[in-house]
Amino acid sequence: MKKFKLDGNALFNSNKCHEALQKYQKALIYYEYCFDAVDSEKRELEQVRLRCLLNAAACTLRLESYKQCVEFCNEALEIDDKNPKAFFRRAKARRLLNRHDLAKRDLKRAVELTEGGKKCTDIQREMMLLQQCEEQYKQTTMEFAQRAIGGSSSEDNN
């Protein structure tokens, strides 16, 4: 399991996200079907599983498989419901799926769980992107509504 994770990390760092995702998925399958460990080993393996899920989520973001990213993050949060990376990655995927309210909630949770550093900068950048998306969505919706109202009134005059 650890070998698949390490291989996945090397592939991810070489920007081979599809291949890296396959390695992380193999590690996750290996975990599900091959381990009947004692409690101390289970805790360690659960942490490796968590890292594989988070890394798989990062791969799916790069591969633009946003629904799959949300699923990996959901699984990661079942293991550690206070993991800021899982909330951050799920928020990013949800923003890209136009699920702005859910993304905003995840980002707020990530901020609560993060104490400064690079993660916080990434979170702040993601919050700005989310706000821009929301503003663009409102503008597009307003323009559409105006065209719809304007279109029906011009047809009534003909």
Protein backbone atom coordinates (compact mmCIF):
# COMPACT_ATOMS: atom_id res chain seq x y z
CA MET A 1 0.00 0.00 0.00
CA LYS A 2 2.76 2.43 0.93
CA LYS A 3 4.67 1.54 -2.24
CA PHE A 4 1.66 2.45 -4.42
CA LYS A 5 1.35 5.75 -2.54
CA LEU A 6 5.03 6.57 -3.03
CA ASP A 7 4.82 5.64 -6.72
CA GLY A 8 1.74 7.84 -7.02
CA ASN A 9 3.57 10.73 -5.37
CA ALA A 10 6.45 10.45 -7.84
CA LEU A 11 4.06 10.37 -10.78
CA PHE A 12 2.06 13.31 -9.42
CA ASN A 13 5.26 15.33 -8.99
CA SER A 14 6.07 14.54 -12.65
CA ASN A 15 2.62 15.91 -13.57
CA LYS A 16 1.39 12.44 -14.60
CA CYS A 17 -1.90 12.78 -12.76
CA HIS A 18 -3.79 10.01 -14.51
CA GLU A 19 -1.08 7.47 -13.73
CA ALA A 20 -0.71 8.79 -10.18
CA LEU A 21 -4.45 8.46 -9.63
CA GLN A 22 -4.26 4.82 -10.72
CA LYS A 23 -1.55 4.16 -8.12
CA TYR A 24 -3.55 5.83 -5.35
CA GLN A 25 -6.62 3.85 -6.34
CA LYS A 26 -4.60 0.61 -6.25
CA ALA A 27 -3.43 1.52 -2.75
CA LEU A 28 -7.02 2.14 -1.69
CA ILE A 29 -8.20 -1.17 -3.16
CA TYR A 30 -5.32 -2.94 -1.46
CA TYR A 31 -6.37 -1.38 1.83
CA GLU A 32 -10.03 -2.42 1.44
CA TYR A 33 -9.38 -6.04 0.53
CA CYS A 34 -6.04 -7.07 1.92
CA PHE A 35 -5.78 -5.92 5.50
CA ASP A 36 -6.91 -7.59 8.66
CA ALA A 37 -4.50 -5.80 10.94
CA VAL A 38 -4.32 -5.27 14.67
CA ASP A 39 -5.45 -1.92 16.08
CA SER A 40 -2.03 -0.24 16.07
CA GLU A 41 -1.43 -1.26 12.44
CA LYS A 42 -4.94 -0.19 11.46
CA ARG A 43 -4.33 3.35 12.75
CA GLU A 44 -1.14 3.63 10.73
CA LEU A 45 -2.76 2.18 7.62
CA GLU A 46 -5.75 4.48 8.06
CA GLN A 47 -3.36 7.45 7.91
CA VAL A 48 -1.82 6.11 4.69
CA ARG A 49 -5.35 5.63 3.33
CA LEU A 50 -6.17 9.24 4.27
CA ARG A 51 -3.12 10.53 2.41
CA CYS A 52 -4.00 8.42 -0.63
CA LEU A 53 -7.54 9.82 -0.64
CA LEU A 54 -6.25 13.40 -0.38
CA ASN A 55 -3.69 12.80 -3.12
CA ALA A 56 -6.32 11.17 -5.33
CA ALA A 57 -8.50 14.24 -4.77
CA ALA A 58 -5.60 16.46 -5.90
CA CYS A 59 -5.21 14.34 -9.04
CA THR A 60 -8.90 14.51 -9.88
CA LEU A 61 -8.84 18.30 -9.50
CA ARG A 62 -6.05 18.51 -12.07
CA LEU A 63 -7.89 16.04 -14.30
CA GLU A 64 -11.08 18.12 -13.97
CA SER A 65 -13.02 15.19 -12.50
CA TYR A 66 -14.67 17.37 -9.89
CA LYS A 67 -17.44 15.00 -8.76
CA GLN A 68 -14.86 12.30 -8.16
CA CYS A 69 -12.77 14.79 -6.20
CA VAL A 70 -15.75 15.51 -3.94
CA GLU A 71 -16.18 11.77 -3.37
CA PHE A 72 -12.52 11.29 -2.40
CA CYS A 73 -12.75 14.25 -0.02
CA ASN A 74 -15.93 12.89 1.53
CA GLU A 75 -14.15 9.60 2.23
CA ALA A 76 -11.17 11.46 3.68
CA LEU A 77 -13.48 13.41 5.98
CA GLU A 78 -14.99 10.15 7.21
CA ILE A 79 -11.51 9.29 8.49
CA ASP A 80 -10.59 12.78 9.74
CA ASP A 81 -13.46 15.26 9.97
CA LYS A 82 -11.01 18.03 10.85
CA ASN A 83 -8.76 17.78 7.79
CA PRO A 84 -8.36 21.23 6.20
CA LYS A 85 -6.96 19.81 2.95
CA ALA A 86 -10.07 17.72 2.44
CA PHE A 87 -12.32 20.73 3.04
CA PHE A 88 -10.16 22.93 0.80
CA ARG A 89 -10.04 20.48 -2.11
CA ARG A 90 -13.73 19.71 -1.84
CA ALA A 91 -14.48 23.45 -1.81
CA LYS A 92 -12.45 23.97 -4.96
CA ALA A 93 -14.21 21.10 -6.73
CA ARG A 94 -17.59 22.37 -5.60
CA ARG A 95 -16.78 25.86 -6.89
CA LEU A 96 -15.91 24.37 -10.25
CA LEU A 97 -19.21 22.44 -10.16
CA ASN A 98 -21.02 25.75 -9.48
CA ARG A 99 -22.05 24.59 -6.00
CA HIS A 100 -21.07 27.94 -4.50
CA ASP A 101 -22.95 27.69 -1.18
CA LEU A 102 -21.39 24.31 -0.39
CA ALA A 103 -17.96 25.56 -1.47
CA LYS A 104 -18.29 28.59 0.79
CA ARG A 105 -19.21 26.38 3.76
CA ASP A 106 -16.20 24.12 3.12
CA LEU A 107 -13.84 27.10 2.84
CA LYS A 108 -15.10 28.54 6.11
CA ARG A 109 -14.45 25.20 7.78
CA ALA A 110 -10.97 25.01 6.25
CA VAL A 111 -10.18 28.48 7.64
CA GLU A 112 -11.35 27.39 11.10
CA LEU A 113 -9.06 24.38 10.96
CA THR A 114 -6.00 26.11 9.53
CA GLU A 115 -3.62 28.21 11.54
CA GLY A 116 -1.80 30.48 9.06
CA GLY A 117 0.88 29.44 6.60
CA LYS A 118 0.63 28.51 2.93
CA LYS A 119 -2.70 26.72 3.31
CA CYS A 120 -4.29 29.91 4.53
CA THR A 121 -2.96 31.81 1.50
CA ASP A 122 -4.40 29.14 -0.78
CA ILE A 123 -7.70 29.29 1.07
CA GLN A 124 -7.83 33.08 0.77
CA ARG A 125 -7.12 32.83 -2.98
CA GLU A 126 -9.88 30.24 -3.33
CA MET A 127 -12.29 32.48 -1.42
CA MET A 128 -11.54 35.31 -3.86
CA LEU A 129 -12.14 33.01 -6.83
CA LEU A 130 -15.40 31.83 -5.30
CA GLN A 131 -16.54 35.41 -4.76
CA GLN A 132 -15.71 36.24 -8.40
CA CYS A 133 -17.69 33.20 -9.55
CA GLU A 134 -20.67 34.22 -7.45
CA GLU A 135 -20.56 37.77 -8.83
CA GLN A 136 -20.26 36.48 -12.39
CA TYR A 137 -23.16 34.07 -11.81
CA LYS A 138 -25.35 36.90 -10.46
CA GLN A 139 -24.43 39.12 -13.42
CA THR A 140 -25.14 36.36 -15.96
CA THR A 141 -28.44 35.53 -14.27
CA MET A 142 -29.47 39.19 -14.26
CA GLU A 143 -28.57 39.60 -17.95
CA PHE A 144 -30.49 36.45 -18.83
CA ALA A 145 -33.54 37.67 -16.91
CA GLN A 146 -33.36 41.07 -18.60
CA ARG A 147 -33.16 39.44 -22.04
CA ALA A 148 -36.07 37.16 -21.19
CA ILE A 149 -38.20 40.06 -20.00
CA GLY A 150 -37.06 42.31 -22.83
CA GLY A 151 -37.65 39.54 -25.40
CA SER A 152 -41.21 38.87 -24.31
CA SER A 153 -42.19 42.54 -24.25
CA SER A 154 -40.84 43.13 -27.77
CA GLU A 155 -42.79 40.12 -29.03
CA ASP A 156 -45.96 41.54 -27.46
CA ASN A 157 -45.50 44.78 -29.43
CA ASN A 158 -45.34 42.98 -32.80
